[in-house]
PDB file of N, CA and C in Angstrom:
ATOM      1  N   MET A   1     121.310  76.925  60.289  1.00  0.00           N
ATOM      2  CA  MET A   1     122.418  76.808  61.225  1.00  0.00           C
ATOM      3  C   MET A   1     121.969  77.123  62.651  1.00  0.00           C
ATOM      4  N   LYS A   2     121.230  78.248  62.813  1.00  0.00           N
ATOM      5  CA  LYS A   2     120.751  78.618  64.134  1.00  0.00           C
ATOM      6  C   LYS A   2     119.796  77.563  64.688  1.00  0.00           C
ATOM      7  N   LYS A   3     118.968  77.017  63.806  1.00  0.00           N
ATOM      8  CA  LYS A   3     117.990  76.019  64.228  1.00  0.00           C
ATOM      9  C   LYS A   3     118.702  74.741  64.705  1.00  0.00           C
ATOM     10  N   THR A   4     119.762  74.345  64.003  1.00  0.00           N
ATOM     11  CA  THR A   4     120.520  73.157  64.381  1.00  0.00           C
ATOM     12  C   THR A   4     121.220  73.378  65.723  1.00  0.00           C
ATOM     13  N   LEU A   5     121.827  74.536  65.904  1.00  0.00           N
ATOM     14  CA  LEU A   5     122.510  74.852  67.158  1.00  0.00           C
ATOM     15  C   LEU A   5     121.517  74.861  68.321  1.00  0.00           C
ATOM     16  N   LEU A   6     120.362  75.453  68.117  1.00  0.00           N
ATOM     17  CA  LEU A   6     119.328  75.489  69.147  1.00  0.00           C
ATOM     18  C   LEU A   6     118.865  74.075  69.498  1.00  0.00           C
ATOM     19  N   THR A   7     118.695  73.223  68.494  1.00  0.00           N
ATOM     20  CA  THR A   7     118.282  71.841  68.731  1.00  0.00           C
ATOM     21  C   THR A   7     119.331  71.096  69.549  1.00  0.00           C
ATOM     22  N   VAL A   8     120.602  71.272  69.230  1.00  0.00           N
ATOM     23  CA  VAL A   8     121.678  70.616  69.968  1.00  0.00           C
ATOM     24  C   VAL A   8     121.715  71.112  71.413  1.00  0.00           C
ATOM     25  N   LEU A   9     121.605  72.422  71.622  1.00  0.00           N
ATOM     26  CA  LEU A   9     121.617  72.978  72.971  1.00  0.00           C
ATOM     27  C   LEU A   9     120.436  72.476  73.797  1.00  0.00           C
ATOM     28  N   LEU A  10     119.275  72.404  73.216  1.00  0.00           N
ATOM     29  CA  LEU A  10     118.104  71.874  73.917  1.00  0.00           C
ATOM     30  C   LEU A  10     118.294  70.406  74.263  1.00  0.00           C
ATOM     31  N   GLY A  11     118.910  69.640  73.389  1.00  0.00           N
ATOM     32  CA  GLY A  11     119.183  68.231  73.660  1.00  0.00           C
ATOM     33  C   GLY A  11     120.144  68.058  74.821  1.00  0.00           C
ATOM     34  N   VAL A  12     121.200  68.870  74.858  1.00  0.00           N
ATOM     35  CA  VAL A  12     122.168  68.805  75.958  1.00  0.00           C
ATOM     36  C   VAL A  12     121.494  69.190  77.269  1.00  0.00           C
ATOM     37  N   PHE A  13     120.669  70.224  77.254  1.00  0.00           N
ATOM     38  CA  PHE A  13     119.950  70.646  78.460  1.00  0.00           C
ATOM     39  C   PHE A  13     119.014  69.544  78.936  1.00  0.00           C
ATOM     40  N   ALA A  14     118.262  68.939  78.043  1.00  0.00           N
ATOM     41  CA  ALA A  14     117.328  67.866  78.411  1.00  0.00           C
ATOM     42  C   ALA A  14     118.080  66.675  78.987  1.00  0.00           C
ATOM     43  N   PHE A  15     119.251  66.346  78.432  1.00  0.00           N
ATOM     44  CA  PHE A  15     120.064  65.251  78.943  1.00  0.00           C
ATOM     45  C   PHE A  15     120.526  65.548  80.370  1.00  0.00           C
ATOM     46  N   SER A  16     120.987  66.780  80.618  1.00  0.00           N
ATOM     47  CA  SER A  16     121.439  67.169  81.958  1.00  0.00           C
ATOM     48  C   SER A  16     120.299  67.123  82.955  1.00  0.00           C
ATOM     49  N   VAL A  17     119.151  67.647  82.586  1.00  0.00           N
ATOM     50  CA  VAL A  17     117.993  67.645  83.479  1.00  0.00           C
ATOM     51  C   VAL A  17     117.541  66.212  83.731  1.00  0.00           C
ATOM     52  N   GLY A  18     117.569  65.362  82.728  1.00  0.00           N
ATOM     53  CA  GLY A  18     117.182  63.965  82.892  1.00  0.00           C
ATOM     54  C   GLY A  18     118.060  63.245  83.886  1.00  0.00           C
ATOM     55  N   HIS A  19     119.368  63.477  83.816  1.00  0.00           N
ATOM     56  CA  HIS A  19     120.275  62.869  84.788  1.00  0.00           C
ATOM     57  C   HIS A  19     119.995  63.386  86.190  1.00  0.00           C
ATOM     58  N   ALA A  20     119.807  64.708  86.306  1.00  0.00           N
ATOM     59  CA  ALA A  20     119.560  65.289  87.618  1.00  0.00           C
ATOM     60  C   ALA A  20     118.273  64.743  88.212  1.00  0.00           C
ATOM     61  N   GLN A  21     117.225  64.602  87.420  1.00  0.00           N
ATOM     62  CA  GLN A  21     115.972  64.067  87.927  1.00  0.00           C
ATOM     63  C   GLN A  21     116.130  62.612  88.334  1.00  0.00           C
ATOM     64  N   GLY A  22     117.075  61.892  87.729  1.00  0.00           N
ATOM     65  CA  GLY A  22     117.322  60.517  88.098  1.00  0.00           C
ATOM     66  C   GLY A  22     117.855  60.376  89.522  1.00  0.00           C
ATOM     67  N   ILE A  23     118.418  61.417  90.072  1.00  0.00           N
ATOM     68  CA  ILE A  23     118.915  61.416  91.443  1.00  0.00           C
ATOM     69  C   ILE A  23     117.754  61.478  92.422  1.00  0.00           C
ATOM     70  N   SER A  24     116.683  62.157  92.049  1.00  0.00           N
ATOM     71  CA  SER A  24     115.522  62.299  92.929  1.00  0.00           C
ATOM     72  C   SER A  24     114.948  60.937  93.283  1.00  0.00           C
ATOM     73  N   GLY A  25     114.508  60.806  94.531  1.00  0.00           N
ATOM     74  CA  GLY A  25     113.870  59.576  94.959  1.00  0.00           C
ATOM     75  C   GLY A  25     114.450  59.050  96.250  1.00  0.00           C
ATOM     76  N   LYS A  26     114.115  57.805  96.531  1.00  0.00           N
ATOM     77  CA  LYS A  26     114.574  57.155  97.762  1.00  0.00           C
ATOM     78  C   LYS A  26     115.661  56.141  97.436  1.00  0.00           C
ATOM     79  N   TRP A  27     116.705  56.158  98.255  1.00  0.00           N
ATOM     80  CA  TRP A  27     117.876  55.316  98.073  1.00  0.00           C
ATOM     81  C   TRP A  27     118.257  54.704  99.417  1.00  0.00           C
ATOM     82  N   LYS A  28     118.995  53.601  99.390  1.00  0.00           N
ATOM     83  CA  LYS A  28     119.472  53.013 100.646  1.00  0.00           C
ATOM     84  C   LYS A  28     120.880  52.475 100.465  1.00  0.00           C
ATOM     85  N   ALA A  29     121.552  52.329 101.602  1.00  0.00           N
ATOM     86  CA  ALA A  29     122.894  51.746 101.630  1.00  0.00           C
ATOM     87  C   ALA A  29     123.058  51.011 102.947  1.00  0.00           C
ATOM     88  N   ASP A  30     123.828  49.943 102.922  1.00  0.00           N
ATOM     89  CA  ASP A  30     124.164  49.215 104.130  1.00  0.00           C
ATOM     90  C   ASP A  30     125.592  49.576 104.502  1.00  0.00           C
ATOM     91  N   LEU A  31     125.781  49.926 105.758  1.00  0.00           N
ATOM     92  CA  LEU A  31     127.088  50.353 106.234  1.00  0.00           C
ATOM     93  C   LEU A  31     127.513  49.419 107.365  1.00  0.00           C
ATOM     94  N   GLU A  32     128.710  48.894 107.257  1.00  0.00           N
ATOM     95  CA  GLU A  32     129.245  48.024 108.302  1.00  0.00           C
ATOM     96  C   GLU A  32     129.824  48.910 109.398  1.00  0.00           C
ATOM     97  N   SER A  33     129.367  48.697 110.631  1.00  0.00           N
ATOM     98  CA  SER A  33     129.855  49.488 111.755  1.00  0.00           C
ATOM     99  C   SER A  33     130.330  48.552 112.855  1.00  0.00           C
ATOM    100  N   PRO A  34     131.028  49.071 113.860  1.00  0.00           N
ATOM    101  CA  PRO A  34     131.467  48.217 114.976  1.00  0.00           C
ATOM    102  C   PRO A  34     130.293  47.538 115.693  1.00  0.00           C
ATOM    103  N   GLN A  35     129.102  48.148 115.617  1.00  0.00           N
ATOM    104  CA  GLN A  35     127.919  47.572 116.252  1.00  0.00           C
ATOM    105  C   GLN A  35     127.155  46.631 115.317  1.00  0.00           C
ATOM    106  N   GLY A  36     127.657  46.413 114.119  1.00  0.00           N
ATOM    107  CA  GLY A  36     126.990  45.546 113.147  1.00  0.00           C
ATOM    108  C   GLY A  36     126.533  46.318 111.922  1.00  0.00           C
ATOM    109  N   ASN A  37     125.692  45.689 111.117  1.00  0.00           N
ATOM    110  CA  ASN A  37     125.200  46.286 109.889  1.00  0.00           C
ATOM    111  C   ASN A  37     124.215  47.417 110.197  1.00  0.00           C
ATOM    112  N   LEU A  38     124.367  48.541 109.502  1.00  0.00           N
ATOM    113  CA  LEU A  38     123.524  49.711 109.703  1.00  0.00           C
ATOM    114  C   LEU A  38     122.933  50.111 108.362  1.00  0.00           C
ATOM    115  N   GLU A  39     121.606  50.196 108.273  1.00  0.00           N
ATOM    116  CA  GLU A  39     120.968  50.630 107.028  1.00  0.00           C
ATOM    117  C   GLU A  39     120.749  52.134 107.068  1.00  0.00           C
ATOM    118  N   LEU A  40     121.222  52.815 106.019  1.00  0.00           N
ATOM    119  CA  LEU A  40     121.017  54.251 105.851  1.00  0.00           C
ATOM    120  C   LEU A  40     119.999  54.457 104.743  1.00  0.00           C
ATOM    121  N   ASN A  41     119.082  55.383 104.946  1.00  0.00           N
ATOM    122  CA  ASN A  41     118.071  55.717 103.945  1.00  0.00           C
ATOM    123  C   ASN A  41     118.243  57.160 103.525  1.00  0.00           C
ATOM    124  N   PHE A  42     118.230  57.384 102.223  1.00  0.00           N
ATOM    125  CA  PHE A  42     118.441  58.705 101.640  1.00  0.00           C
ATOM    126  C   PHE A  42     117.201  59.104 100.851  1.00  0.00           C
ATOM    127  N   THR A  43     116.747  60.332 101.037  1.00  0.00           N
ATOM    128  CA  THR A  43     115.679  60.894 100.229  1.00  0.00           C
ATOM    129  C   THR A  43     116.239  62.132  99.560  1.00  0.00           C
ATOM    130  N   PHE A  44     116.281  62.114  98.229  1.00  0.00           N
ATOM    131  CA  PHE A  44     116.811  63.236  97.462  1.00  0.00           C
ATOM    132  C   PHE A  44     115.710  63.843  96.608  1.00  0.00           C
ATOM    133  N   LYS A  45     115.726  65.174  96.524  1.00  0.00           N
ATOM    134  CA  LYS A  45     114.815  65.885  95.635  1.00  0.00           C
ATOM    135  C   LYS A  45     115.626  66.933  94.885  1.00  0.00           C
ATOM    136  N   VAL A  46     115.560  66.862  93.553  1.00  0.00           N
ATOM    137  CA  VAL A  46     116.301  67.791  92.704  1.00  0.00           C
ATOM    138  C   VAL A  46     115.331  68.782  92.086  1.00  0.00           C
ATOM    139  N   GLU A  47     115.646  70.057  92.226  1.00  0.00           N
ATOM    140  CA  GLU A  47     114.928  71.138  91.556  1.00  0.00           C
ATOM    141  C   GLU A  47     115.975  72.015  90.901  1.00  0.00           C
ATOM    142  N   GLU A  48     116.027  71.943  89.560  1.00  0.00           N
ATOM    143  CA  GLU A  48     117.054  72.625  88.764  1.00  0.00           C
ATOM    144  C   GLU A  48     118.424  72.170  89.242  1.00  0.00           C
ATOM    145  N   ALA A  49     119.233  73.061  89.807  1.00  0.00           N
ATOM    146  CA  ALA A  49     120.579  72.680  90.242  1.00  0.00           C
ATOM    147  C   ALA A  49     120.671  72.558  91.756  1.00  0.00           C
ATOM    148  N   LYS A  50     119.526  72.478  92.445  1.00  0.00           N
ATOM    149  CA  LYS A  50     119.505  72.409  93.900  1.00  0.00           C
ATOM    150  C   LYS A  50     119.056  71.023  94.369  1.00  0.00           C
ATOM    151  N   LEU A  51     119.760  70.494  95.363  1.00  0.00           N
ATOM    152  CA  LEU A  51     119.434  69.207  95.955  1.00  0.00           C
ATOM    153  C   LEU A  51     118.980  69.425  97.397  1.00  0.00           C
ATOM    154  N   THR A  52     117.832  68.843  97.752  1.00  0.00           N
ATOM    155  CA  THR A  52     117.343  68.862  99.127  1.00  0.00           C
ATOM    156  C   THR A  52     117.030  67.427  99.533  1.00  0.00           C
ATOM    157  N   GLY A  53     116.764  67.230 100.804  1.00  0.00           N
ATOM    158  CA  GLY A  53     116.396  65.905 101.268  1.00  0.00           C
ATOM    159  C   GLY A  53     116.925  65.621 102.651  1.00  0.00           C
ATOM    160  N   ALA A  54     117.020  64.333 102.966  1.00  0.00           N
ATOM    161  CA  ALA A  54     117.458  63.913 104.293  1.00  0.00           C
ATOM    162  C   ALA A  54     118.119  62.555 104.225  1.00  0.00           C
ATOM    163  N   VAL A  55     118.903  62.266 105.253  1.00  0.00           N
ATOM    164  CA  VAL A  55     119.532  60.960 105.437  1.00  0.00           C
ATOM    165  C   VAL A  55     119.064  60.459 106.793  1.00  0.00           C
ATOM    166  N   SER A  56     118.568  59.224 106.834  1.00  0.00           N
ATOM    167  CA  SER A  56     118.089  58.697 108.111  1.00  0.00           C
ATOM    168  C   SER A  56     118.680  57.324 108.392  1.00  0.00           C
ATOM    169  N   SER A  57     118.756  57.029 109.679  1.00  0.00           N
ATOM    170  CA  SER A  57     119.240  55.742 110.176  1.00  0.00           C
ATOM    171  C   SER A  57     118.411  55.421 111.418  1.00  0.00           C
ATOM    172  N   PRO A  58     118.620  54.267 112.017  1.00  0.00           N
ATOM    173  CA  PRO A  58     117.901  53.975 113.263  1.00  0.00           C
ATOM    174  C   PRO A  58     118.178  54.993 114.374  1.00  0.00           C
ATOM    175  N   MET A  59     119.254  55.772 114.236  1.00  0.00           N
ATOM    176  CA  MET A  59     119.610  56.765 115.254  1.00  0.00           C
ATOM    177  C   MET A  59     118.967  58.127 115.018  1.00  0.00           C
ATOM    178  N   GLY A  60     118.255  58.307 113.896  1.00  0.00           N
ATOM    179  CA  GLY A  60     117.608  59.591 113.623  1.00  0.00           C
ATOM    180  C   GLY A  60     117.794  60.024 112.187  1.00  0.00           C
ATOM    181  N   SER A  61     117.361  61.257 111.914  1.00  0.00           N
ATOM    182  CA  SER A  61     117.385  61.803 110.564  1.00  0.00           C
ATOM    183  C   SER A  61     118.105  63.148 110.563  1.00  0.00           C
ATOM    184  N   GLN A  62     118.825  63.420 109.470  1.00  0.00           N
ATOM    185  CA  GLN A  62     119.534  64.683 109.301  1.00  0.00           C
ATOM    186  C   GLN A  62     119.161  65.295 107.958  1.00  0.00           C
ATOM    187  N   GLU A  63     118.862  66.590 107.962  1.00  0.00           N
ATOM    188  CA  GLU A  63     118.548  67.303 106.729  1.00  0.00           C
ATOM    189  C   GLU A  63     119.821  67.599 105.945  1.00  0.00           C
ATOM    190  N   ILE A  64     119.699  67.568 104.632  1.00  0.00           N
ATOM    191  CA  ILE A  64     120.786  67.928 103.719  1.00  0.00           C
ATOM    192  C   ILE A  64     120.865  69.449 103.643  1.00  0.00           C
ATOM    193  N   THR A  65     122.093  69.996 103.652  1.00  0.00           N
ATOM    194  CA  THR A  65     122.299  71.429 103.443  1.00  0.00           C
ATOM    195  C   THR A  65     123.287  71.624 102.297  1.00  0.00           C
ATOM    196  N   ASN A  66     123.279  72.802 101.721  1.00  0.00           N
ATOM    197  CA  ASN A  66     124.209  73.166 100.637  1.00  0.00           C
ATOM    198  C   ASN A  66     124.185  72.180  99.483  1.00  0.00           C
ATOM    199  N   GLY A  67     123.032  71.594  99.175  1.00  0.00           N
ATOM    200  CA  GLY A  67     122.932  70.612  98.102  1.00  0.00           C
ATOM    201  C   GLY A  67     123.024  71.243  96.722  1.00  0.00           C
ATOM    202  N   LYS A  68     123.885  70.693  95.883  1.00  0.00           N
ATOM    203  CA  LYS A  68     124.091  71.188  94.513  1.00  0.00           C
ATOM    204  C   LYS A  68     124.118  70.014  93.554  1.00  0.00           C
ATOM    205  N   VAL A  69     123.586  70.230  92.348  1.00  0.00           N
ATOM    206  CA  VAL A  69     123.569  69.195  91.315  1.00  0.00           C
ATOM    207  C   VAL A  69     124.167  69.768  90.045  1.00  0.00           C
ATOM    208  N   ASN A  70     125.007  68.955  89.394  1.00  0.00           N
ATOM    209  CA  ASN A  70     125.584  69.318  88.105  1.00  0.00           C
ATOM    210  C   ASN A  70     125.559  68.064  87.232  1.00  0.00           C
ATOM    211  N   GLY A  71     124.521  67.932  86.405  1.00  0.00           N
ATOM    212  CA  GLY A  71     124.380  66.746  85.568  1.00  0.00           C
ATOM    213  C   GLY A  71     124.084  65.536  86.432  1.00  0.00           C
ATOM    214  N   ASN A  72     124.951  64.527  86.359  1.00  0.00           N
ATOM    215  CA  ASN A  72     124.744  63.319  87.165  1.00  0.00           C
ATOM    216  C   ASN A  72     125.626  63.311  88.425  1.00  0.00           C
ATOM    217  N   GLU A  73     126.221  64.449  88.752  1.00  0.00           N
ATOM    218  CA  GLU A  73     127.032  64.571  89.953  1.00  0.00           C
ATOM    219  C   GLU A  73     126.373  65.557  90.915  1.00  0.00           C
ATOM    220  N   PHE A  74     126.572  65.312  92.203  1.00  0.00           N
ATOM    221  CA  PHE A  74     125.967  66.195  93.194  1.00  0.00           C
ATOM    222  C   PHE A  74     126.816  66.217  94.460  1.00  0.00           C
ATOM    223  N   SER A  75     126.523  67.194  95.321  1.00  0.00           N
ATOM    224  CA  SER A  75     127.209  67.289  96.606  1.00  0.00           C
ATOM    225  C   SER A  75     126.248  67.894  97.624  1.00  0.00           C
ATOM    226  N   TYR A  76     126.520  67.604  98.899  1.00  0.00           N
ATOM    227  CA  TYR A  76     125.739  68.192  99.984  1.00  0.00           C
ATOM    228  C   TYR A  76     126.507  68.026 101.287  1.00  0.00           C
ATOM    229  N   ASP A  77     126.035  68.735 102.306  1.00  0.00           N
ATOM    230  CA  ASP A  77     126.623  68.653 103.639  1.00  0.00           C
ATOM    231  C   ASP A  77     125.566  68.176 104.627  1.00  0.00           C
ATOM    232  N   ILE A  78     126.032  67.604 105.723  1.00  0.00           N
ATOM    233  CA  ILE A  78     125.184  67.243 106.848  1.00  0.00           C
ATOM    234  C   ILE A  78     125.916  67.664 108.115  1.00  0.00           C
ATOM    235  N   ASP A  79     125.185  68.302 109.022  1.00  0.00           N
ATOM    236  CA  ASP A  79     125.746  68.704 110.303  1.00  0.00           C
ATOM    237  C   ASP A  79     125.522  67.583 111.309  1.00  0.00           C
ATOM    238  N   MET A  80     126.615  67.011 111.801  1.00  0.00           N
ATOM    239  CA  MET A  80     126.546  65.952 112.807  1.00  0.00           C
ATOM    240  C   MET A  80     127.165  66.472 114.097  1.00  0.00           C
ATOM    241  N   MET A  81     126.318  66.871 115.026  1.00  0.00           N
ATOM    242  CA  MET A  81     126.756  67.355 116.335  1.00  0.00           C
ATOM    243  C   MET A  81     127.795  68.470 116.221  1.00  0.00           C
ATOM    244  N   GLY A  82     127.539  69.421 115.341  1.00  0.00           N
ATOM    245  CA  GLY A  82     128.435  70.561 115.178  1.00  0.00           C
ATOM    246  C   GLY A  82     129.574  70.345 114.209  1.00  0.00           C
ATOM    247  N   ASN A  83     129.706  69.146 113.648  1.00  0.00           N
ATOM    248  CA  ASN A  83     130.739  68.859 112.651  1.00  0.00           C
ATOM    249  C   ASN A  83     130.090  68.675 111.293  1.00  0.00           C
ATOM    250  N   THR A  84     130.673  69.281 110.270  1.00  0.00           N
ATOM    251  CA  THR A  84     130.125  69.177 108.922  1.00  0.00           C
ATOM    252  C   THR A  84     130.760  68.014 108.178  1.00  0.00           C
ATOM    253  N   MET A  85     129.901  67.111 107.695  1.00  0.00           N
ATOM    254  CA  MET A  85     130.333  66.012 106.832  1.00  0.00           C
ATOM    255  C   MET A  85     129.949  66.394 105.410  1.00  0.00           C
ATOM    256  N   THR A  86     130.881  66.269 104.488  1.00  0.00           N
ATOM    257  CA  THR A  86     130.639  66.615 103.088  1.00  0.00           C
ATOM    258  C   THR A  86     130.498  65.342 102.266  1.00  0.00           C
ATOM    259  N   PHE A  87     129.445  65.289 101.452  1.00  0.00           N
ATOM    260  CA  PHE A  87     129.155  64.133 100.621  1.00  0.00           C
ATOM    261  C   PHE A  87     129.231  64.546  99.157  1.00  0.00           C
ATOM    262  N   LYS A  88     129.831  63.695  98.336  1.00  0.00           N
ATOM    263  CA  LYS A  88     129.860  63.896  96.890  1.00  0.00           C
ATOM    264  C   LYS A  88     129.372  62.610  96.246  1.00  0.00           C
ATOM    265  N   GLY A  89     128.413  62.738  95.335  1.00  0.00           N
ATOM    266  CA  GLY A  89     127.841  61.561  94.709  1.00  0.00           C
ATOM    267  C   GLY A  89     127.834  61.656  93.199  1.00  0.00           C
ATOM    268  N   LYS A  90     127.711  60.479  92.582  1.00  0.00           N
ATOM    269  CA  LYS A  90     127.622  60.400  91.131  1.00  0.00           C
ATOM    270  C   LYS A  90     126.644  59.292  90.779  1.00  0.00           C
ATOM    271  N   LEU A  91     125.632  59.654  89.996  1.00  0.00           N
ATOM    272  CA  LEU A  91     124.659  58.682  89.513  1.00  0.00           C
ATOM    273  C   LEU A  91     125.305  57.883  88.399  1.00  0.00           C
ATOM    274  N   GLU A  92     125.368  56.562  88.584  1.00  0.00           N
ATOM    275  CA  GLU A  92     125.944  55.657  87.585  1.00  0.00           C
ATOM    276  C   GLU A  92     124.910  54.586  87.280  1.00  0.00           C
ATOM    277  N   LYS A  93     124.170  54.771  86.210  1.00  0.00           N
ATOM    278  CA  LYS A  93     123.083  53.871  85.812  1.00  0.00           C
ATOM    279  C   LYS A  93     122.048  53.793  86.916  1.00  0.00           C
ATOM    280  N   GLU A  94     121.947  52.665  87.622  1.00  0.00           N
ATOM    281  CA  GLU A  94     120.928  52.497  88.659  1.00  0.00           C
ATOM    282  C   GLU A  94     121.484  52.584  90.075  1.00  0.00           C
ATOM    283  N   ASN A  95     122.735  53.022  90.227  1.00  0.00           N
ATOM    284  CA  ASN A  95     123.356  53.173  91.543  1.00  0.00           C
ATOM    285  C   ASN A  95     123.928  54.571  91.687  1.00  0.00           C
ATOM    286  N   ILE A  96     124.169  54.935  92.925  1.00  0.00           N
ATOM    287  CA  ILE A  96     124.887  56.170  93.225  1.00  0.00           C
ATOM    288  C   ILE A  96     126.143  55.785  93.987  1.00  0.00           C
ATOM    289  N   LYS A  97     127.273  56.283  93.532  1.00  0.00           N
ATOM    290  CA  LYS A  97     128.533  56.130  94.255  1.00  0.00           C
ATOM    291  C   LYS A  97     128.686  57.388  95.099  1.00  0.00           C
ATOM    292  N   LEU A  98     128.789  57.207  96.403  1.00  0.00           N
ATOM    293  CA  LEU A  98     128.816  58.328  97.332  1.00  0.00           C
ATOM    294  C   LEU A  98     130.124  58.320  98.117  1.00  0.00           C
ATOM    295  N   THR A  99     130.815  59.449  98.115  1.00  0.00           N
ATOM    296  CA  THR A  99     132.053  59.622  98.864  1.00  0.00           C
ATOM    297  C   THR A  99     131.770  60.556 100.032  1.00  0.00           C
ATOM    298  N   ILE A 100     132.264  60.190 101.201  1.00  0.00           N
ATOM    299  CA  ILE A 100     132.034  60.964 102.408  1.00  0.00           C
ATOM    300  C   ILE A 100     133.356  61.500 102.915  1.00  0.00           C
ATOM    301  N   LYS A 101     133.405  62.789 103.152  1.00  0.00           N
ATOM    302  CA  LYS A 101     134.595  63.414 103.743  1.00  0.00           C
ATOM    303  C   LYS A 101     134.228  63.775 105.172  1.00  0.00           C
ATOM    304  N   MET A 102     134.831  63.066 106.110  1.00  0.00           N
ATOM    305  CA  MET A 102     134.563  63.292 107.523  1.00  0.00           C
ATOM    306  C   MET A 102     135.291  64.552 107.978  1.00  0.00           C
ATOM    307  N   PRO A 103     134.778  65.215 109.000  1.00  0.00           N
ATOM    308  CA  PRO A 103     135.462  66.417 109.503  1.00  0.00           C
ATOM    309  C   PRO A 103     136.828  66.059 110.066  1.00  0.00           C
ATOM    310  N   GLU A 104     137.802  66.865 109.741  1.00  0.00           N
ATOM    311  CA  GLU A 104     139.171  66.607 110.198  1.00  0.00           C
ATOM    312  C   GLU A 104     139.310  66.768 111.698  1.00  0.00           C
ATOM    313  N   ASP A 105     138.458  67.611 112.292  1.00  0.00           N
ATOM    314  CA  ASP A 105     138.605  67.860 113.723  1.00  0.00           C
ATOM    315  C   ASP A 105     137.640  67.031 114.572  1.00  0.00           C
ATOM    316  N   GLY A 106     136.903  66.124 113.944  1.00  0.00           N
ATOM    317  CA  GLY A 106     135.991  65.264 114.692  1.00  0.00           C
ATOM    318  C   GLY A 106     136.788  64.286 115.545  1.00  0.00           C
ATOM    319  N   SER A 107     136.553  64.289 116.839  1.00  0.00           N
ATOM    320  CA  SER A 107     137.387  63.487 117.741  1.00  0.00           C
ATOM    321  C   SER A 107     137.260  61.993 117.503  1.00  0.00           C
ATOM    322  N   GLU A 108     136.064  61.522 117.097  1.00  0.00           N
ATOM    323  CA  GLU A 108     135.880  60.093 116.903  1.00  0.00           C
ATOM    324  C   GLU A 108     135.684  59.714 115.442  1.00  0.00           C
ATOM    325  N   ALA A 109     135.784  60.679 114.550  1.00  0.00           N
ATOM    326  CA  ALA A 109     135.524  60.421 113.132  1.00  0.00           C
ATOM    327  C   ALA A 109     136.776  59.894 112.451  1.00  0.00           C
ATOM    328  N   PRO A 110     136.618  58.892 111.568  1.00  0.00           N
ATOM    329  CA  PRO A 110     137.767  58.458 110.776  1.00  0.00           C
ATOM    330  C   PRO A 110     138.201  59.573 109.840  1.00  0.00           C
ATOM    331  N   ARG A 111     139.455  59.664 109.567  1.00  0.00           N
ATOM    332  CA  ARG A 111     139.979  60.719 108.687  1.00  0.00           C
ATOM    333  C   ARG A 111     139.858  60.296 107.223  1.00  0.00           C
ATOM    334  N   GLY A 112     139.697  61.293 106.369  1.00  0.00           N
ATOM    335  CA  GLY A 112     139.673  61.028 104.936  1.00  0.00           C
ATOM    336  C   GLY A 112     138.329  60.552 104.442  1.00  0.00           C
ATOM    337  N   PRO A 113     138.213  60.348 103.130  1.00  0.00           N
ATOM    338  CA  PRO A 113     136.928  59.978 102.553  1.00  0.00           C
ATOM    339  C   PRO A 113     136.591  58.494 102.739  1.00  0.00           C
ATOM    340  N   GLY A 114     135.323  58.215 102.888  1.00  0.00           N
ATOM    341  CA  GLY A 114     134.815  56.859 102.873  1.00  0.00           C
ATOM    342  C   GLY A 114     133.888  56.748 101.671  1.00  0.00           C
ATOM    343  N   GLU A 115     133.603  55.552 101.227  1.00  0.00           N
ATOM    344  CA  GLU A 115     132.754  55.379 100.049  1.00  0.00           C
ATOM    345  C   GLU A 115     131.658  54.371 100.332  1.00  0.00           C
ATOM    346  N   MET A 116     130.518  54.570  99.669  1.00  0.00           N
ATOM    347  CA  MET A 116     129.435  53.602  99.730  1.00  0.00           C
ATOM    348  C   MET A 116     128.644  53.646  98.429  1.00  0.00           C
ATOM    349  N   THR A 117     127.917  52.576  98.163  1.00  0.00           N
ATOM    350  CA  THR A 117     127.062  52.495  96.989  1.00  0.00           C
ATOM    351  C   THR A 117     125.616  52.514  97.433  1.00  0.00           C
ATOM    352  N   LEU A 118     124.837  53.407  96.846  1.00  0.00           N
ATOM    353  CA  LEU A 118     123.414  53.510  97.138  1.00  0.00           C
ATOM    354  C   LEU A 118     122.623  52.818  96.043  1.00  0.00           C
ATOM    355  N   THR A 119     121.569  52.115  96.439  1.00  0.00           N
ATOM    356  CA  THR A 119     120.665  51.503  95.476  1.00  0.00           C
ATOM    357  C   THR A 119     119.288  52.125  95.635  1.00  0.00           C
ATOM    358  N   ARG A 120     118.581  52.232  94.528  1.00  0.00           N
ATOM    359  CA  ARG A 120     117.260  52.850  94.543  1.00  0.00           C
ATOM    360  C   ARG A 120     116.274  51.936  95.263  1.00  0.00           C
ATOM    361  N   VAL A 121     115.418  52.558  96.076  1.00  0.00           N
ATOM    362  CA  VAL A 121     114.346  51.823  96.755  1.00  0.00           C
ATOM    363  C   VAL A 121     113.119  51.907  95.857  1.00  0.00           C
ATOM    364  N   GLU A 122     112.580  50.777  95.486  1.00  0.00           N
ATOM    365  CA  GLU A 122     111.437  50.740  94.562  1.00  0.00           C
ATOM    366  C   GLU A 122     110.172  51.172  95.230  1.00  0.00           C
TER     367      GLU A 122
END
């Protein structure tokens, strides 16, 4: 009985770690902006339940802060000129669905969450 329970627990742990490691790597998304199409590049690195990395665009790069991973779901923040943007993502097969919560007090930021799909860069 103990051996079976241990085997099941190890399997669940390996499944969770496998999903989290699937988040690691390079990803991209195309974002439509008033100035035209904008390509965003994401670099994610997962170590246990911690997510690190950066998001870059033609305008520069921002480091990820407060990155957390739970199975195939993750979250992180980015500081944009003193305003914190919160991102929540979910790995779904070969894509990541990413929701962005813009700061409520950002003078030029749209209110509420925005969504984008990230694809893995080979």
